[in-house]
Amino acid sequence: MRKKFLAEFMGTAFLVMIVFGSGIMGMNLPQGNVAIALMANSLATGAGLFVLIQCLGPISGAHMNPVVSLAEFGWKRLGKKELLLYWLAQFVGATCGVFLTHVMFKLPLLQISLQERYGFNLWVSEIVATVGLICVVALAGRKHVEFAPLSVAAYITSAYWFTSSTAFANPAITVARMLTDTFCGMAPSGVLMFIAAQLIGTIVAIVSLKRLN
């Protein structure tokens, strides 16, 4: 269990560094061009996800996301104790990832985001993004399990662009976004509704998958 905990902690920390660091770098290089920053952010996230899932999948399943762990619990692939330990590793890992990103880019260690992300359209977007993610996790590796990491990475890369919320679809990263006032940040006012939307999306996905099966 220690190996799984460490894998989830490290994986989530690196995922946050990939997401936040590429967002900061994307904004720095083109002098604030948001389109280029989003392109850099999505490509780096997709590439990083593929590597993390490929490397850590055999150890912990490479969830790096509380709603993925929740879905695995719902499918009885994860016990209650394991679920709680996975969540602890993911939230702590995400927080450490924020701080390390700030250190790497010489930014103040402690920050609270001022970027407002609040609105019904964004909540619907998060539901859609999370439904898609959970379905990809469940279905991608059925015939060819080796394609699962690439499928998840490709989905997230595309979801950055087809959803208005840029597909957070991850409560741990959503909380971490509150702690950085950079390109990927989100003001605390939007966090609870985003997480609620992600949980709704997870439930919708689980129910839908039962019907498909």
N, C-alpha and C. Protein backbone atom coordinates (compact mmCIF):
# COMPACT_ATOMS: atom_id res chain seq x y z
N MET A 1 0.82 -1.21 0.00
CA MET A 1 0.00 0.00 0.00
C MET A 1 0.86 1.26 0.00
N ARG A 2 2.04 1.19 0.64
CA ARG A 2 2.93 2.35 0.66
C ARG A 2 3.37 2.74 -0.74
N LYS A 3 3.64 1.72 -1.57
CA LYS A 3 4.06 1.99 -2.94
C LYS A 3 2.95 2.69 -3.72
N LYS A 4 1.72 2.25 -3.52
CA LYS A 4 0.58 2.87 -4.21
C LYS A 4 0.41 4.31 -3.74
N PHE A 5 0.51 4.52 -2.42
CA PHE A 5 0.38 5.87 -1.87
C PHE A 5 1.45 6.79 -2.45
N LEU A 6 2.69 6.32 -2.48
CA LEU A 6 3.78 7.13 -3.00
C LEU A 6 3.61 7.41 -4.48
N ALA A 7 3.15 6.42 -5.23
CA ALA A 7 2.93 6.61 -6.66
C ALA A 7 1.86 7.66 -6.92
N GLU A 8 0.78 7.62 -6.14
CA GLU A 8 -0.29 8.60 -6.31
C GLU A 8 0.16 9.99 -5.89
N PHE A 9 0.94 10.05 -4.81
CA PHE A 9 1.46 11.34 -4.34
C PHE A 9 2.39 11.96 -5.39
N MET A 10 3.36 11.18 -5.85
CA MET A 10 4.32 11.69 -6.83
C MET A 10 3.64 12.00 -8.15
N GLY A 11 2.76 11.12 -8.59
CA GLY A 11 2.09 11.33 -9.86
C GLY A 11 1.26 12.59 -9.88
N THR A 12 0.50 12.82 -8.80
CA THR A 12 -0.34 14.03 -8.72
C THR A 12 0.51 15.28 -8.62
N ALA A 13 1.60 15.21 -7.85
CA ALA A 13 2.49 16.36 -7.73
C ALA A 13 3.09 16.73 -9.09
N PHE A 14 3.56 15.72 -9.82
CA PHE A 14 4.13 15.99 -11.14
C PHE A 14 3.07 16.47 -12.12
N LEU A 15 1.87 15.93 -12.02
CA LEU A 15 0.80 16.38 -12.92
C LEU A 15 0.50 17.86 -12.70
N VAL A 16 0.45 18.28 -11.44
CA VAL A 16 0.22 19.70 -11.13
C VAL A 16 1.37 20.55 -11.66
N MET A 17 2.60 20.09 -11.47
CA MET A 17 3.74 20.86 -11.98
C MET A 17 3.70 20.97 -13.50
N ILE A 18 3.29 19.90 -14.16
CA ILE A 18 3.18 19.93 -15.62
C ILE A 18 2.10 20.92 -16.06
N VAL A 19 0.94 20.85 -15.43
CA VAL A 19 -0.18 21.73 -15.81
C VAL A 19 0.14 23.19 -15.50
N PHE A 20 0.55 23.47 -14.27
CA PHE A 20 0.77 24.85 -13.87
C PHE A 20 2.04 25.43 -14.49
N GLY A 21 3.11 24.62 -14.49
CA GLY A 21 4.37 25.11 -15.04
C GLY A 21 4.28 25.43 -16.52
N SER A 22 3.61 24.57 -17.29
CA SER A 22 3.47 24.83 -18.72
C SER A 22 2.58 26.05 -18.97
N GLY A 23 1.59 26.27 -18.09
CA GLY A 23 0.75 27.46 -18.22
C GLY A 23 1.55 28.73 -17.99
N ILE A 24 2.40 28.71 -16.96
CA ILE A 24 3.25 29.87 -16.67
C ILE A 24 4.24 30.10 -17.81
N MET A 25 4.90 29.03 -18.25
CA MET A 25 5.87 29.15 -19.34
C MET A 25 5.19 29.63 -20.62
N GLY A 26 4.00 29.12 -20.89
CA GLY A 26 3.27 29.52 -22.09
C GLY A 26 2.94 31.00 -22.09
N MET A 27 2.62 31.53 -20.92
CA MET A 27 2.32 32.97 -20.83
C MET A 27 3.59 33.81 -20.88
N ASN A 28 4.69 33.28 -20.37
CA ASN A 28 5.95 34.04 -20.36
C ASN A 28 6.58 34.16 -21.74
N LEU A 29 6.62 33.07 -22.49
CA LEU A 29 7.34 33.06 -23.76
C LEU A 29 6.71 33.96 -24.83
N PRO A 30 5.38 33.87 -25.07
CA PRO A 30 4.80 34.71 -26.12
C PRO A 30 4.33 36.07 -25.61
N GLN A 31 4.79 36.49 -24.46
CA GLN A 31 4.43 37.77 -23.87
C GLN A 31 2.92 37.92 -23.65
N GLY A 32 2.34 36.87 -23.07
CA GLY A 32 0.95 36.98 -22.66
C GLY A 32 -0.07 36.57 -23.68
N ASN A 33 0.31 35.87 -24.76
CA ASN A 33 -0.64 35.40 -25.75
C ASN A 33 -1.39 34.19 -25.19
N VAL A 34 -2.68 34.38 -24.90
CA VAL A 34 -3.45 33.34 -24.22
C VAL A 34 -3.62 32.10 -25.09
N ALA A 35 -3.82 32.28 -26.38
CA ALA A 35 -4.01 31.14 -27.27
C ALA A 35 -2.79 30.23 -27.29
N ILE A 36 -1.61 30.84 -27.38
CA ILE A 36 -0.38 30.05 -27.38
C ILE A 36 -0.17 29.40 -26.02
N ALA A 37 -0.51 30.12 -24.96
CA ALA A 37 -0.37 29.57 -23.61
C ALA A 37 -1.26 28.34 -23.45
N LEU A 38 -2.49 28.41 -23.96
CA LEU A 38 -3.40 27.27 -23.85
C LEU A 38 -2.90 26.10 -24.69
N MET A 39 -2.36 26.40 -25.86
CA MET A 39 -1.79 25.34 -26.70
C MET A 39 -0.64 24.64 -25.98
N ALA A 40 0.27 25.43 -25.42
CA ALA A 40 1.39 24.86 -24.67
C ALA A 40 0.89 24.06 -23.48
N ASN A 41 -0.10 24.60 -22.78
CA ASN A 41 -0.66 23.96 -21.60
C ASN A 41 -1.29 22.62 -21.94
N SER A 42 -2.08 22.57 -22.99
CA SER A 42 -2.77 21.33 -23.35
C SER A 42 -1.82 20.26 -23.86
N LEU A 43 -0.85 20.66 -24.70
CA LEU A 43 0.10 19.69 -25.24
C LEU A 43 1.00 19.12 -24.14
N ALA A 44 1.47 20.00 -23.26
CA ALA A 44 2.32 19.53 -22.15
C ALA A 44 1.54 18.61 -21.22
N THR A 45 0.29 18.95 -20.95
CA THR A 45 -0.53 18.12 -20.06
C THR A 45 -0.77 16.75 -20.68
N GLY A 46 -1.12 16.72 -21.97
CA GLY A 46 -1.36 15.44 -22.63
C GLY A 46 -0.11 14.57 -22.65
N ALA A 47 1.02 15.17 -22.99
CA ALA A 47 2.28 14.41 -23.02
C ALA A 47 2.66 13.91 -21.63
N GLY A 48 2.53 14.79 -20.64
CA GLY A 48 2.87 14.42 -19.27
C GLY A 48 1.97 13.33 -18.73
N LEU A 49 0.67 13.42 -19.03
CA LEU A 49 -0.28 12.40 -18.58
C LEU A 49 0.09 11.03 -19.14
N PHE A 50 0.43 11.00 -20.43
CA PHE A 50 0.78 9.72 -21.05
C PHE A 50 1.96 9.08 -20.32
N VAL A 51 2.99 9.88 -20.06
CA VAL A 51 4.18 9.34 -19.40
C VAL A 51 3.86 8.88 -17.98
N LEU A 52 3.12 9.69 -17.22
CA LEU A 52 2.80 9.33 -15.84
C LEU A 52 1.96 8.07 -15.76
N ILE A 53 0.95 7.96 -16.63
CA ILE A 53 0.10 6.78 -16.61
C ILE A 53 0.89 5.54 -17.03
N GLN A 54 1.73 5.71 -18.05
CA GLN A 54 2.54 4.59 -18.54
C GLN A 54 3.49 4.09 -17.45
N CYS A 55 4.07 5.02 -16.70
CA CYS A 55 5.06 4.64 -15.68
C CYS A 55 4.44 4.18 -14.37
N LEU A 56 3.38 4.86 -13.94
CA LEU A 56 2.82 4.58 -12.61
C LEU A 56 1.61 3.65 -12.64
N GLY A 57 1.06 3.44 -13.82
CA GLY A 57 -0.11 2.58 -13.94
C GLY A 57 0.08 1.20 -13.31
N PRO A 58 1.20 0.52 -13.56
CA PRO A 58 1.39 -0.80 -12.98
C PRO A 58 1.52 -0.80 -11.45
N ILE A 59 1.80 0.37 -10.87
CA ILE A 59 1.99 0.44 -9.41
C ILE A 59 0.68 0.76 -8.69
N SER A 60 0.01 1.84 -9.11
CA SER A 60 -1.19 2.29 -8.38
C SER A 60 -2.42 2.41 -9.27
N GLY A 61 -2.24 2.19 -10.56
CA GLY A 61 -3.33 2.47 -11.49
C GLY A 61 -3.24 3.86 -12.06
N ALA A 62 -2.35 4.69 -11.48
CA ALA A 62 -2.13 6.07 -11.94
C ALA A 62 -3.43 6.85 -12.04
N HIS A 63 -4.19 6.86 -10.95
CA HIS A 63 -5.42 7.65 -10.93
C HIS A 63 -5.11 9.14 -10.98
N MET A 64 -4.34 9.60 -9.97
CA MET A 64 -3.93 11.01 -9.84
C MET A 64 -5.14 11.94 -9.89
N ASN A 65 -6.28 11.43 -9.47
CA ASN A 65 -7.54 12.17 -9.59
C ASN A 65 -8.56 11.53 -8.65
N PRO A 66 -9.08 12.29 -7.68
CA PRO A 66 -10.04 11.72 -6.73
C PRO A 66 -11.30 11.15 -7.36
N VAL A 67 -11.79 11.72 -8.48
CA VAL A 67 -13.02 11.18 -9.07
C VAL A 67 -12.74 9.86 -9.80
N VAL A 68 -11.53 9.70 -10.34
CA VAL A 68 -11.17 8.41 -10.93
C VAL A 68 -11.11 7.35 -9.84
N SER A 69 -10.52 7.69 -8.70
CA SER A 69 -10.48 6.75 -7.57
C SER A 69 -11.88 6.44 -7.07
N LEU A 70 -12.75 7.45 -7.05
CA LEU A 70 -14.14 7.25 -6.63
C LEU A 70 -14.85 6.28 -7.58
N ALA A 71 -14.62 6.46 -8.87
CA ALA A 71 -15.22 5.55 -9.85
C ALA A 71 -14.71 4.13 -9.66
N GLU A 72 -13.41 3.99 -9.41
CA GLU A 72 -12.83 2.67 -9.17
C GLU A 72 -13.44 2.03 -7.92
N PHE A 73 -13.71 2.85 -6.91
CA PHE A 73 -14.38 2.37 -5.70
C PHE A 73 -15.80 1.90 -6.04
N GLY A 74 -16.49 2.68 -6.87
CA GLY A 74 -17.84 2.31 -7.29
C GLY A 74 -17.87 1.02 -8.09
N TRP A 75 -16.80 0.76 -8.82
CA TRP A 75 -16.69 -0.48 -9.59
C TRP A 75 -16.11 -1.62 -8.76
N LYS A 76 -15.89 -1.38 -7.47
CA LYS A 76 -15.38 -2.38 -6.52
C LYS A 76 -13.97 -2.85 -6.87
N ARG A 77 -13.20 -1.96 -7.44
CA ARG A 77 -11.79 -2.26 -7.71
C ARG A 77 -10.88 -1.65 -6.66
N LEU A 78 -11.50 -0.88 -5.75
CA LEU A 78 -10.75 -0.18 -4.71
C LEU A 78 -11.54 -0.27 -3.42
N GLY A 79 -10.88 -0.61 -2.31
CA GLY A 79 -11.55 -0.69 -1.03
C GLY A 79 -11.70 0.69 -0.40
N LYS A 80 -12.50 0.77 0.66
CA LYS A 80 -12.77 2.06 1.31
C LYS A 80 -11.49 2.67 1.90
N LYS A 81 -10.68 1.83 2.55
CA LYS A 81 -9.42 2.32 3.13
C LYS A 81 -8.48 2.81 2.04
N GLU A 82 -8.39 2.04 0.95
CA GLU A 82 -7.54 2.44 -0.17
C GLU A 82 -8.02 3.75 -0.77
N LEU A 83 -9.33 3.90 -0.89
CA LEU A 83 -9.89 5.13 -1.46
C LEU A 83 -9.46 6.35 -0.65
N LEU A 84 -9.57 6.26 0.68
CA LEU A 84 -9.20 7.38 1.53
C LEU A 84 -7.71 7.69 1.44
N LEU A 85 -6.88 6.65 1.37
CA LEU A 85 -5.43 6.85 1.24
C LEU A 85 -5.08 7.45 -0.12
N TYR A 86 -5.76 7.01 -1.17
CA TYR A 86 -5.54 7.58 -2.49
C TYR A 86 -5.90 9.07 -2.48
N TRP A 87 -7.05 9.40 -1.88
CA TRP A 87 -7.46 10.81 -1.82
C TRP A 87 -6.44 11.65 -1.06
N LEU A 88 -5.96 11.13 0.07
CA LEU A 88 -4.96 11.85 0.86
C LEU A 88 -3.70 12.10 0.02
N ALA A 89 -3.23 11.05 -0.65
CA ALA A 89 -2.02 11.18 -1.47
C ALA A 89 -2.23 12.19 -2.59
N GLN A 90 -3.40 12.18 -3.21
CA GLN A 90 -3.68 13.07 -4.34
C GLN A 90 -3.77 14.53 -3.91
N PHE A 91 -4.47 14.82 -2.83
CA PHE A 91 -4.61 16.21 -2.40
C PHE A 91 -3.30 16.77 -1.85
N VAL A 92 -2.58 15.96 -1.09
CA VAL A 92 -1.28 16.41 -0.57
C VAL A 92 -0.29 16.57 -1.73
N GLY A 93 -0.30 15.62 -2.64
CA GLY A 93 0.58 15.71 -3.80
C GLY A 93 0.31 16.95 -4.64
N ALA A 94 -0.96 17.25 -4.85
CA ALA A 94 -1.33 18.43 -5.63
C ALA A 94 -0.84 19.71 -4.96
N THR A 95 -0.98 19.79 -3.65
CA THR A 95 -0.53 20.97 -2.91
C THR A 95 0.99 21.13 -3.00
N CYS A 96 1.71 20.03 -2.84
CA CYS A 96 3.17 20.09 -2.97
C CYS A 96 3.57 20.50 -4.39
N GLY A 97 2.82 20.04 -5.37
CA GLY A 97 3.10 20.39 -6.75
C GLY A 97 2.99 21.88 -7.01
N VAL A 98 1.98 22.51 -6.39
CA VAL A 98 1.82 23.97 -6.52
C VAL A 98 3.05 24.69 -5.98
N PHE A 99 3.46 24.32 -4.77
CA PHE A 99 4.58 25.01 -4.13
C PHE A 99 5.87 24.82 -4.93
N LEU A 100 6.11 23.61 -5.44
CA LEU A 100 7.31 23.36 -6.23
C LEU A 100 7.30 24.16 -7.53
N THR A 101 6.13 24.31 -8.12
CA THR A 101 6.01 25.13 -9.34
C THR A 101 6.39 26.57 -9.05
N HIS A 102 5.91 27.10 -7.95
CA HIS A 102 6.23 28.48 -7.58
C HIS A 102 7.73 28.65 -7.34
N VAL A 103 8.34 27.66 -6.70
CA VAL A 103 9.78 27.72 -6.45
C VAL A 103 10.55 27.73 -7.77
N MET A 104 10.16 26.85 -8.70
CA MET A 104 10.87 26.74 -9.98
C MET A 104 10.80 28.02 -10.80
N PHE A 105 9.68 28.75 -10.68
CA PHE A 105 9.51 29.97 -11.48
C PHE A 105 9.75 31.25 -10.67
N LYS A 106 10.36 31.10 -9.49
CA LYS A 106 10.69 32.25 -8.64
C LYS A 106 9.47 33.12 -8.35
N LEU A 107 8.40 32.46 -7.97
CA LEU A 107 7.16 33.15 -7.61
C LEU A 107 6.93 33.04 -6.11
N PRO A 108 6.13 33.94 -5.53
CA PRO A 108 5.82 33.81 -4.10
C PRO A 108 5.25 32.43 -3.79
N LEU A 109 5.73 31.81 -2.74
CA LEU A 109 5.33 30.45 -2.42
C LEU A 109 3.84 30.36 -2.11
N LEU A 110 3.35 31.27 -1.29
CA LEU A 110 1.94 31.25 -0.88
C LEU A 110 1.15 32.26 -1.69
N GLN A 111 0.14 31.78 -2.38
CA GLN A 111 -0.69 32.64 -3.21
C GLN A 111 -2.15 32.19 -3.12
N ILE A 112 -3.05 33.13 -3.38
CA ILE A 112 -4.47 32.81 -3.55
C ILE A 112 -4.90 33.42 -4.88
N SER A 113 -5.48 32.61 -5.73
CA SER A 113 -5.83 33.08 -7.07
C SER A 113 -6.94 34.14 -7.03
N LEU A 114 -6.84 35.09 -7.94
CA LEU A 114 -7.86 36.13 -8.10
C LEU A 114 -8.66 35.94 -9.39
N GLN A 115 -8.36 34.87 -10.12
CA GLN A 115 -9.00 34.64 -11.41
C GLN A 115 -10.37 33.99 -11.23
N GLU A 116 -11.42 34.73 -11.56
CA GLU A 116 -12.78 34.24 -11.36
C GLU A 116 -13.14 33.22 -12.44
N ARG A 117 -13.61 32.07 -12.01
CA ARG A 117 -14.15 31.04 -12.91
C ARG A 117 -15.45 30.58 -12.27
N TYR A 118 -16.52 31.26 -12.60
CA TYR A 118 -17.81 31.01 -11.93
C TYR A 118 -18.93 31.21 -12.93
N GLY A 119 -19.79 30.22 -13.08
CA GLY A 119 -20.92 30.36 -13.99
C GLY A 119 -21.50 29.02 -14.38
N PHE A 120 -22.78 29.02 -14.71
CA PHE A 120 -23.50 27.80 -15.04
C PHE A 120 -22.85 27.08 -16.23
N ASN A 121 -22.40 27.85 -17.21
CA ASN A 121 -21.78 27.23 -18.39
C ASN A 121 -20.51 26.46 -18.02
N LEU A 122 -19.76 26.98 -17.06
CA LEU A 122 -18.54 26.30 -16.63
C LEU A 122 -18.86 25.03 -15.85
N TRP A 123 -19.92 25.06 -15.07
CA TRP A 123 -20.30 23.88 -14.30
C TRP A 123 -20.78 22.76 -15.23
N VAL A 124 -21.58 23.13 -16.23
CA VAL A 124 -22.01 22.14 -17.22
C VAL A 124 -20.79 21.57 -17.94
N SER A 125 -19.86 22.46 -18.27
CA SER A 125 -18.63 22.05 -18.95
C SER A 125 -17.86 21.03 -18.12
N GLU A 126 -17.78 21.24 -16.81
CA GLU A 126 -17.07 20.31 -15.94
C GLU A 126 -17.79 18.97 -15.83
N ILE A 127 -19.10 18.99 -15.85
CA ILE A 127 -19.86 17.73 -15.85
C ILE A 127 -19.54 16.94 -17.11
N VAL A 128 -19.59 17.62 -18.25
CA VAL A 128 -19.31 16.96 -19.53
C VAL A 128 -17.88 16.43 -19.57
N ALA A 129 -16.93 17.27 -19.14
CA ALA A 129 -15.52 16.86 -19.17
C ALA A 129 -15.28 15.64 -18.29
N THR A 130 -15.91 15.61 -17.12
CA THR A 130 -15.71 14.50 -16.19
C THR A 130 -16.38 13.23 -16.67
N VAL A 131 -17.59 13.35 -17.23
CA VAL A 131 -18.25 12.18 -17.81
C VAL A 131 -17.36 11.56 -18.88
N GLY A 132 -16.82 12.40 -19.75
CA GLY A 132 -15.95 11.89 -20.81
C GLY A 132 -14.71 11.21 -20.26
N LEU A 133 -14.09 11.82 -19.25
CA LEU A 133 -12.87 11.25 -18.68
C LEU A 133 -13.13 9.88 -18.06
N ILE A 134 -14.17 9.77 -17.25
CA ILE A 134 -14.47 8.50 -16.59
C ILE A 134 -14.81 7.42 -17.61
N CYS A 135 -15.53 7.79 -18.65
CA CYS A 135 -15.87 6.82 -19.70
C CYS A 135 -14.62 6.35 -20.45
N VAL A 136 -13.71 7.28 -20.70
CA VAL A 136 -12.45 6.90 -21.37
C VAL A 136 -11.65 5.96 -20.48
N VAL A 137 -11.56 6.28 -19.19
CA VAL A 137 -10.83 5.42 -18.25
C VAL A 137 -11.43 4.02 -18.23
N ALA A 138 -12.76 3.94 -18.28
CA ALA A 138 -13.44 2.65 -18.19
C ALA A 138 -13.37 1.84 -19.47
N LEU A 139 -13.40 2.52 -20.61
CA LEU A 139 -13.57 1.81 -21.88
C LEU A 139 -12.32 1.69 -22.74
N ALA A 140 -11.36 2.59 -22.53
CA ALA A 140 -10.23 2.69 -23.47
C ALA A 140 -9.40 1.42 -23.57
N GLY A 141 -9.20 0.73 -22.47
CA GLY A 141 -8.30 -0.42 -22.48
C GLY A 141 -8.97 -1.77 -22.62
N ARG A 142 -10.21 -1.80 -23.02
CA ARG A 142 -10.93 -3.08 -23.07
C ARG A 142 -10.33 -4.06 -24.07
N LYS A 143 -10.09 -3.58 -25.27
CA LYS A 143 -9.53 -4.47 -26.29
C LYS A 143 -8.02 -4.42 -26.34
N HIS A 144 -7.48 -3.23 -26.15
CA HIS A 144 -6.02 -3.06 -26.21
C HIS A 144 -5.59 -2.21 -25.02
N VAL A 145 -5.26 -2.85 -23.91
CA VAL A 145 -4.96 -2.13 -22.68
C VAL A 145 -3.77 -1.20 -22.84
N GLU A 146 -2.87 -1.51 -23.78
CA GLU A 146 -1.70 -0.67 -23.98
C GLU A 146 -2.06 0.70 -24.55
N PHE A 147 -3.27 0.85 -25.08
CA PHE A 147 -3.68 2.13 -25.63
C PHE A 147 -4.35 3.03 -24.59
N ALA A 148 -4.60 2.52 -23.39
CA ALA A 148 -5.31 3.30 -22.37
C ALA A 148 -4.59 4.59 -22.00
N PRO A 149 -3.26 4.57 -21.72
CA PRO A 149 -2.59 5.83 -21.39
C PRO A 149 -2.70 6.88 -22.49
N LEU A 150 -2.53 6.46 -23.74
CA LEU A 150 -2.63 7.39 -24.85
C LEU A 150 -4.05 7.93 -25.00
N SER A 151 -5.04 7.07 -24.77
CA SER A 151 -6.43 7.49 -24.89
C SER A 151 -6.79 8.56 -23.87
N VAL A 152 -6.38 8.36 -22.62
CA VAL A 152 -6.66 9.35 -21.57
C VAL A 152 -5.95 10.66 -21.88
N ALA A 153 -4.67 10.57 -22.27
CA ALA A 153 -3.90 11.77 -22.59
C ALA A 153 -4.50 12.53 -23.76
N ALA A 154 -4.90 11.80 -24.81
CA ALA A 154 -5.49 12.45 -25.98
C ALA A 154 -6.83 13.10 -25.64
N TYR A 155 -7.62 12.44 -24.81
CA TYR A 155 -8.91 13.01 -24.42
C TYR A 155 -8.73 14.31 -23.67
N ILE A 156 -7.85 14.34 -22.68
CA ILE A 156 -7.63 15.55 -21.89
C ILE A 156 -7.09 16.68 -22.78
N THR A 157 -6.18 16.35 -23.70
CA THR A 157 -5.65 17.37 -24.60
C THR A 157 -6.78 18.00 -25.42
N SER A 158 -7.67 17.19 -25.93
CA SER A 158 -8.78 17.72 -26.73
C SER A 158 -9.80 18.45 -25.86
N ALA A 159 -10.03 17.92 -24.63
CA ALA A 159 -11.02 18.54 -23.75
C ALA A 159 -10.61 19.93 -23.29
N TYR A 160 -9.31 20.21 -23.25
CA TYR A 160 -8.84 21.57 -22.96
C TYR A 160 -9.47 22.57 -23.94
N TRP A 161 -9.72 22.10 -25.17
CA TRP A 161 -10.17 23.00 -26.24
C TRP A 161 -11.67 22.95 -26.48
N PHE A 162 -12.33 21.82 -26.25
CA PHE A 162 -13.76 21.78 -26.58
C PHE A 162 -14.66 22.09 -25.39
N THR A 163 -14.08 22.27 -24.19
CA THR A 163 -14.88 22.66 -23.03
C THR A 163 -14.53 24.09 -22.61
N SER A 164 -15.54 24.84 -22.17
CA SER A 164 -15.32 26.23 -21.78
C SER A 164 -14.53 26.36 -20.49
N SER A 165 -14.52 25.28 -19.68
CA SER A 165 -13.80 25.30 -18.40
C SER A 165 -12.37 24.81 -18.55
N THR A 166 -11.98 24.40 -19.75
CA THR A 166 -10.69 23.76 -20.05
C THR A 166 -10.50 22.47 -19.27
N ALA A 167 -11.60 21.79 -18.98
CA ALA A 167 -11.59 20.42 -18.47
C ALA A 167 -10.68 20.20 -17.27
N PHE A 168 -11.03 20.82 -16.13
CA PHE A 168 -10.29 20.51 -14.91
C PHE A 168 -10.49 19.02 -14.57
N ALA A 169 -11.76 18.63 -14.39
CA ALA A 169 -12.16 17.23 -14.20
C ALA A 169 -11.34 16.50 -13.13
N ASN A 170 -10.90 17.24 -12.11
CA ASN A 170 -10.03 16.66 -11.09
C ASN A 170 -10.11 17.52 -9.83
N PRO A 171 -10.79 17.05 -8.77
CA PRO A 171 -10.93 17.85 -7.55
C PRO A 171 -9.61 18.25 -6.90
N ALA A 172 -8.60 17.38 -6.94
CA ALA A 172 -7.31 17.72 -6.31
C ALA A 172 -6.65 18.89 -7.03
N ILE A 173 -6.67 18.85 -8.36
CA ILE A 173 -6.09 19.96 -9.12
C ILE A 173 -6.96 21.20 -9.01
N THR A 174 -8.27 21.02 -8.88
CA THR A 174 -9.17 22.17 -8.70
C THR A 174 -8.82 22.92 -7.42
N VAL A 175 -8.60 22.20 -6.34
CA VAL A 175 -8.20 22.83 -5.07
C VAL A 175 -6.84 23.49 -5.23
N ALA A 176 -5.92 22.81 -5.91
CA ALA A 176 -4.58 23.36 -6.10
C ALA A 176 -4.61 24.65 -6.91
N ARG A 177 -5.53 24.76 -7.84
CA ARG A 177 -5.63 25.97 -8.67
C ARG A 177 -5.95 27.21 -7.82
N MET A 178 -6.61 26.98 -6.69
CA MET A 178 -6.93 28.07 -5.78
C MET A 178 -5.66 28.66 -5.16
N LEU A 179 -4.58 27.87 -5.15
CA LEU A 179 -3.35 28.26 -4.45
C LEU A 179 -2.31 28.89 -5.36
N THR A 180 -2.69 29.20 -6.61
CA THR A 180 -1.74 29.83 -7.53
C THR A 180 -2.43 30.95 -8.31
N ASP A 181 -1.89 32.13 -8.24
CA ASP A 181 -2.45 33.27 -8.97
C ASP A 181 -1.73 33.43 -10.31
N THR A 182 -1.75 32.33 -11.09
CA THR A 182 -1.09 32.31 -12.38
C THR A 182 -2.11 31.92 -13.45
N PHE A 183 -1.64 31.59 -14.65
CA PHE A 183 -2.51 31.28 -15.77
C PHE A 183 -3.55 30.22 -15.43
N CYS A 184 -3.19 29.22 -14.65
CA CYS A 184 -4.08 28.10 -14.34
C CYS A 184 -4.88 28.29 -13.06
N GLY A 185 -4.76 29.42 -12.43
CA GLY A 185 -5.41 29.64 -11.14
C GLY A 185 -6.91 29.79 -11.22
N MET A 186 -7.55 29.67 -10.07
CA MET A 186 -8.99 29.87 -9.96
C MET A 186 -9.31 30.41 -8.57
N ALA A 187 -10.09 31.48 -8.51
CA ALA A 187 -10.44 32.09 -7.24
C ALA A 187 -11.23 31.10 -6.37
N PRO A 188 -11.08 31.16 -5.05
CA PRO A 188 -11.76 30.23 -4.15
C PRO A 188 -13.28 30.17 -4.33
N SER A 189 -13.88 31.26 -4.80
CA SER A 189 -15.33 31.30 -4.95
C SER A 189 -15.86 30.25 -5.91
N GLY A 190 -15.03 29.78 -6.83
CA GLY A 190 -15.51 28.82 -7.82
C GLY A 190 -15.21 27.37 -7.51
N VAL A 191 -14.41 27.13 -6.48
CA VAL A 191 -13.89 25.78 -6.24
C VAL A 191 -14.99 24.77 -5.90
N LEU A 192 -15.87 25.09 -4.96
CA LEU A 192 -16.87 24.13 -4.51
C LEU A 192 -17.82 23.72 -5.62
N MET A 193 -18.24 24.68 -6.45
CA MET A 193 -19.15 24.35 -7.54
C MET A 193 -18.47 23.51 -8.61
N PHE A 194 -17.19 23.76 -8.85
CA PHE A 194 -16.45 22.94 -9.80
C PHE A 194 -16.36 21.50 -9.30
N ILE A 195 -16.05 21.34 -8.01
CA ILE A 195 -15.95 19.99 -7.44
C ILE A 195 -17.31 19.30 -7.46
N ALA A 196 -18.37 20.05 -7.15
CA ALA A 196 -19.72 19.48 -7.20
C ALA A 196 -20.05 18.99 -8.61
N ALA A 197 -19.68 19.79 -9.62
CA ALA A 197 -19.92 19.41 -11.01
C ALA A 197 -19.13 18.15 -11.37
N GLN A 198 -17.91 18.07 -10.88
CA GLN A 198 -17.08 16.88 -11.15
C GLN A 198 -17.67 15.63 -10.51
N LEU A 199 -18.21 15.76 -9.31
CA LEU A 199 -18.83 14.62 -8.65
C LEU A 199 -20.10 14.20 -9.38
N ILE A 200 -20.88 15.17 -9.83
CA ILE A 200 -22.08 14.86 -10.62
C ILE A 200 -21.69 14.14 -11.91
N GLY A 201 -20.65 14.64 -12.56
CA GLY A 201 -20.18 14.01 -13.79
C GLY A 201 -19.75 12.57 -13.56
N THR A 202 -19.10 12.32 -12.43
CA THR A 202 -18.67 10.96 -12.09
C THR A 202 -19.87 10.03 -11.92
N ILE A 203 -20.88 10.50 -11.20
CA ILE A 203 -22.08 9.68 -10.98
C ILE A 203 -22.80 9.41 -12.30
N VAL A 204 -22.92 10.44 -13.14
CA VAL A 204 -23.57 10.27 -14.45
C VAL A 204 -22.80 9.24 -15.28
N ALA A 205 -21.48 9.31 -15.24
CA ALA A 205 -20.66 8.37 -16.01
C ALA A 205 -20.84 6.94 -15.52
N ILE A 206 -20.82 6.75 -14.20
CA ILE A 206 -20.96 5.40 -13.64
C ILE A 206 -22.31 4.80 -14.03
N VAL A 207 -23.37 5.60 -13.91
CA VAL A 207 -24.72 5.12 -14.29
C VAL A 207 -24.79 4.81 -15.78
N SER A 208 -24.22 5.69 -16.59
CA SER A 208 -24.23 5.49 -18.05
C SER A 208 -23.47 4.23 -18.44
N LEU A 209 -22.32 4.02 -17.80
CA LEU A 209 -21.51 2.84 -18.11
C LEU A 209 -22.21 1.55 -17.74
N LYS A 210 -22.98 1.57 -16.64
CA LYS A 210 -23.75 0.39 -16.28
C LYS A 210 -24.76 0.05 -17.35
N ARG A 211 -25.37 1.07 -17.93
CA ARG A 211 -26.36 0.83 -19.00
C ARG A 211 -25.68 0.33 -20.27
N LEU A 212 -24.49 0.88 -20.55
CA LEU A 212 -23.76 0.43 -21.74
C LEU A 212 -23.32 -1.03 -21.61
N ASN A 213 -23.00 -1.42 -20.38
CA ASN A 213 -22.54 -2.79 -20.16
C ASN A 213 -23.69 -3.80 -20.10
